[in-house]
Amino acid sequence: MITDELARNREQWLRRAQMLRSLAQSCRAIDSWDSPAGHLLEDRVQSCAESIEALAECADELAEAYELHLQVVSVGGRIQL
């Protein structure tokens, strides 16, 4: 059924968001060393963590969209684009 597929997609996007947040947290936990190269590495890794966190937020928004669509379909409605 369409509701099963929507629910599955919602759960998959929520899981992806969680995995992305975990990856961002791992990036933030990377220790660098006190040198120009170490500082550059730290800056780049922090920038990556911020980008990954933004992707996690997008995944959450997609999960929310699937949730809203699921609610509409569950009551017999249709979404028209």
N, C-alpha and C. Protein backbone atom coordinates (compact mmCIF):
# COMPACT_ATOMS: atom_id res chain seq x y z
N MET A 1 0.83 -1.19 0.00
CA MET A 1 0.00 0.00 0.00
C MET A 1 0.88 1.25 0.00
N ILE A 2 0.28 2.33 -0.45
CA ILE A 2 1.01 3.60 -0.49
C ILE A 2 1.38 4.07 0.92
N THR A 3 0.52 3.81 1.89
CA THR A 3 0.83 4.26 3.25
C THR A 3 2.05 3.52 3.81
N ASP A 4 2.17 2.24 3.48
CA ASP A 4 3.34 1.48 3.93
C ASP A 4 4.62 2.05 3.32
N GLU A 5 4.54 2.38 2.02
CA GLU A 5 5.72 2.93 1.34
C GLU A 5 6.09 4.30 1.91
N LEU A 6 5.09 5.13 2.16
CA LEU A 6 5.35 6.45 2.73
C LEU A 6 5.97 6.33 4.12
N ALA A 7 5.44 5.43 4.93
CA ALA A 7 5.98 5.22 6.28
C ALA A 7 7.41 4.70 6.21
N ARG A 8 7.67 3.80 5.29
CA ARG A 8 9.02 3.25 5.14
C ARG A 8 10.01 4.36 4.71
N ASN A 9 9.59 5.17 3.76
CA ASN A 9 10.45 6.27 3.31
C ASN A 9 10.71 7.27 4.44
N ARG A 10 9.67 7.56 5.22
CA ARG A 10 9.83 8.47 6.37
C ARG A 10 10.87 7.92 7.33
N GLU A 11 10.75 6.65 7.66
CA GLU A 11 11.69 6.03 8.60
C GLU A 11 13.11 6.00 8.03
N GLN A 12 13.23 5.75 6.73
CA GLN A 12 14.56 5.74 6.12
C GLN A 12 15.20 7.12 6.18
N TRP A 13 14.44 8.17 5.94
CA TRP A 13 15.01 9.52 6.02
C TRP A 13 15.36 9.89 7.45
N LEU A 14 14.55 9.47 8.40
CA LEU A 14 14.89 9.73 9.81
C LEU A 14 16.19 9.00 10.18
N ARG A 15 16.34 7.77 9.70
CA ARG A 15 17.55 7.00 9.97
C ARG A 15 18.77 7.66 9.32
N ARG A 16 18.59 8.13 8.09
CA ARG A 16 19.70 8.83 7.41
C ARG A 16 20.10 10.09 8.17
N ALA A 17 19.12 10.83 8.65
CA ALA A 17 19.41 12.04 9.42
C ALA A 17 20.22 11.70 10.66
N GLN A 18 19.84 10.64 11.34
CA GLN A 18 20.56 10.23 12.55
C GLN A 18 21.99 9.80 12.20
N MET A 19 22.15 9.07 11.11
CA MET A 19 23.50 8.65 10.70
C MET A 19 24.35 9.85 10.34
N LEU A 20 23.77 10.82 9.67
CA LEU A 20 24.51 12.03 9.31
C LEU A 20 24.92 12.81 10.56
N ARG A 21 24.03 12.90 11.53
CA ARG A 21 24.38 13.60 12.78
C ARG A 21 25.50 12.87 13.52
N SER A 22 25.46 11.56 13.49
CA SER A 22 26.53 10.78 14.11
C SER A 22 27.86 11.03 13.41
N LEU A 23 27.83 11.08 12.08
CA LEU A 23 29.03 11.36 11.32
C LEU A 23 29.56 12.76 11.63
N ALA A 24 28.67 13.74 11.71
CA ALA A 24 29.09 15.11 12.04
C ALA A 24 29.73 15.15 13.42
N GLN A 25 29.14 14.42 14.37
CA GLN A 25 29.70 14.38 15.73
C GLN A 25 31.07 13.73 15.72
N SER A 26 31.25 12.68 14.94
CA SER A 26 32.56 12.03 14.83
C SER A 26 33.59 12.99 14.24
N CYS A 27 33.16 13.77 13.26
CA CYS A 27 34.08 14.76 12.68
C CYS A 27 34.52 15.78 13.72
N ARG A 28 33.58 16.21 14.54
CA ARG A 28 33.91 17.20 15.57
C ARG A 28 34.85 16.63 16.64
N ALA A 29 34.85 15.33 16.79
CA ALA A 29 35.68 14.68 17.81
C ALA A 29 37.10 14.42 17.35
N ILE A 30 37.41 14.68 16.08
CA ILE A 30 38.76 14.44 15.57
C ILE A 30 39.72 15.44 16.19
N ASP A 31 40.77 14.92 16.76
CA ASP A 31 41.80 15.78 17.36
C ASP A 31 42.82 16.17 16.30
N SER A 32 43.20 17.41 16.33
CA SER A 32 44.26 17.85 15.42
C SER A 32 45.49 18.17 16.26
N TRP A 33 46.54 18.54 15.60
CA TRP A 33 47.77 18.83 16.31
C TRP A 33 48.08 20.32 16.15
N ASP A 34 48.96 20.79 17.00
CA ASP A 34 49.29 22.21 17.04
C ASP A 34 50.37 22.53 16.01
N SER A 35 49.91 22.75 14.79
CA SER A 35 50.80 23.13 13.71
C SER A 35 49.93 23.77 12.63
N PRO A 36 50.52 24.45 11.67
CA PRO A 36 49.69 25.02 10.60
C PRO A 36 48.85 23.96 9.88
N ALA A 37 49.43 22.82 9.60
CA ALA A 37 48.68 21.75 8.93
C ALA A 37 47.56 21.23 9.83
N GLY A 38 47.84 21.11 11.11
CA GLY A 38 46.84 20.65 12.07
C GLY A 38 45.67 21.61 12.17
N HIS A 39 45.97 22.91 12.16
CA HIS A 39 44.90 23.92 12.22
C HIS A 39 44.07 23.91 10.94
N LEU A 40 44.73 23.73 9.81
CA LEU A 40 44.02 23.63 8.54
C LEU A 40 43.10 22.41 8.54
N LEU A 41 43.62 21.29 9.02
CA LEU A 41 42.81 20.07 9.11
C LEU A 41 41.60 20.31 9.99
N GLU A 42 41.81 20.92 11.14
CA GLU A 42 40.71 21.18 12.06
C GLU A 42 39.65 22.07 11.42
N ASP A 43 40.08 23.11 10.72
CA ASP A 43 39.13 23.99 10.04
C ASP A 43 38.32 23.24 8.99
N ARG A 44 39.00 22.42 8.21
CA ARG A 44 38.32 21.67 7.14
C ARG A 44 37.34 20.65 7.72
N VAL A 45 37.76 19.97 8.76
CA VAL A 45 36.90 18.95 9.36
C VAL A 45 35.68 19.61 10.00
N GLN A 46 35.86 20.75 10.64
CA GLN A 46 34.73 21.47 11.23
C GLN A 46 33.76 21.95 10.14
N SER A 47 34.31 22.41 9.04
CA SER A 47 33.48 22.83 7.91
C SER A 47 32.68 21.64 7.37
N CYS A 48 33.33 20.50 7.27
CA CYS A 48 32.63 19.28 6.82
C CYS A 48 31.52 18.92 7.80
N ALA A 49 31.80 19.01 9.09
CA ALA A 49 30.80 18.67 10.10
C ALA A 49 29.58 19.58 9.97
N GLU A 50 29.81 20.87 9.72
CA GLU A 50 28.68 21.79 9.54
C GLU A 50 27.87 21.44 8.30
N SER A 51 28.55 21.10 7.22
CA SER A 51 27.85 20.71 6.00
C SER A 51 27.06 19.42 6.19
N ILE A 52 27.64 18.48 6.89
CA ILE A 52 26.96 17.22 7.16
C ILE A 52 25.73 17.46 8.04
N GLU A 53 25.86 18.35 9.00
CA GLU A 53 24.72 18.70 9.86
C GLU A 53 23.60 19.33 9.04
N ALA A 54 23.96 20.17 8.06
CA ALA A 54 22.95 20.76 7.17
C ALA A 54 22.24 19.68 6.36
N LEU A 55 22.98 18.68 5.91
CA LEU A 55 22.37 17.55 5.20
C LEU A 55 21.41 16.79 6.11
N ALA A 56 21.78 16.63 7.38
CA ALA A 56 20.90 15.95 8.33
C ALA A 56 19.60 16.73 8.50
N GLU A 57 19.69 18.04 8.52
CA GLU A 57 18.48 18.85 8.64
C GLU A 57 17.59 18.68 7.40
N CYS A 58 18.21 18.59 6.23
CA CYS A 58 17.44 18.34 5.00
C CYS A 58 16.76 16.97 5.07
N ALA A 59 17.46 15.99 5.58
CA ALA A 59 16.87 14.65 5.71
C ALA A 59 15.69 14.68 6.67
N ASP A 60 15.81 15.45 7.75
CA ASP A 60 14.68 15.59 8.68
C ASP A 60 13.49 16.25 7.99
N GLU A 61 13.76 17.25 7.16
CA GLU A 61 12.68 17.92 6.44
C GLU A 61 12.00 16.97 5.45
N LEU A 62 12.78 16.13 4.81
CA LEU A 62 12.18 15.14 3.91
C LEU A 62 11.33 14.14 4.69
N ALA A 63 11.80 13.72 5.84
CA ALA A 63 11.01 12.81 6.68
C ALA A 63 9.71 13.48 7.10
N GLU A 64 9.77 14.77 7.42
CA GLU A 64 8.57 15.49 7.80
C GLU A 64 7.59 15.59 6.62
N ALA A 65 8.13 15.80 5.43
CA ALA A 65 7.27 15.86 4.24
C ALA A 65 6.58 14.52 4.02
N TYR A 66 7.32 13.42 4.20
CA TYR A 66 6.70 12.10 4.07
C TYR A 66 5.63 11.90 5.14
N GLU A 67 5.88 12.40 6.34
CA GLU A 67 4.91 12.28 7.42
C GLU A 67 3.63 13.03 7.07
N LEU A 68 3.77 14.25 6.57
CA LEU A 68 2.60 15.04 6.20
C LEU A 68 1.83 14.38 5.06
N HIS A 69 2.55 13.87 4.08
CA HIS A 69 1.91 13.17 2.96
C HIS A 69 1.18 11.93 3.47
N LEU A 70 1.81 11.22 4.38
CA LEU A 70 1.19 10.03 4.97
C LEU A 70 -0.10 10.40 5.68
N GLN A 71 -0.10 11.50 6.41
CA GLN A 71 -1.31 11.93 7.11
C GLN A 71 -2.43 12.26 6.14
N VAL A 72 -2.08 12.94 5.05
CA VAL A 72 -3.09 13.30 4.05
C VAL A 72 -3.66 12.04 3.41
N VAL A 73 -2.79 11.14 3.00
CA VAL A 73 -3.23 9.91 2.34
C VAL A 73 -4.05 9.04 3.31
N SER A 74 -3.67 9.04 4.57
CA SER A 74 -4.36 8.21 5.55
C SER A 74 -5.83 8.61 5.72
N VAL A 75 -6.14 9.87 5.47
CA VAL A 75 -7.53 10.31 5.60
C VAL A 75 -8.22 10.38 4.24
N GLY A 76 -7.56 9.83 3.22
CA GLY A 76 -8.17 9.73 1.89
C GLY A 76 -7.98 10.96 1.03
N GLY A 77 -7.08 11.82 1.40
CA GLY A 77 -6.86 13.05 0.63
C GLY A 77 -5.81 12.85 -0.44
N ARG A 78 -5.60 13.91 -1.20
CA ARG A 78 -4.59 13.91 -2.25
C ARG A 78 -3.80 15.20 -2.16
N ILE A 79 -2.54 15.11 -2.49
CA ILE A 79 -1.71 16.30 -2.58
C ILE A 79 -1.54 16.63 -4.06
N GLN A 80 -1.90 17.82 -4.43
CA GLN A 80 -1.72 18.23 -5.82
C GLN A 80 -0.60 19.25 -5.88
N LEU A 81 0.29 19.04 -6.81
CA LEU A 81 1.41 19.95 -6.97
C LEU A 81 1.11 20.99 -8.03
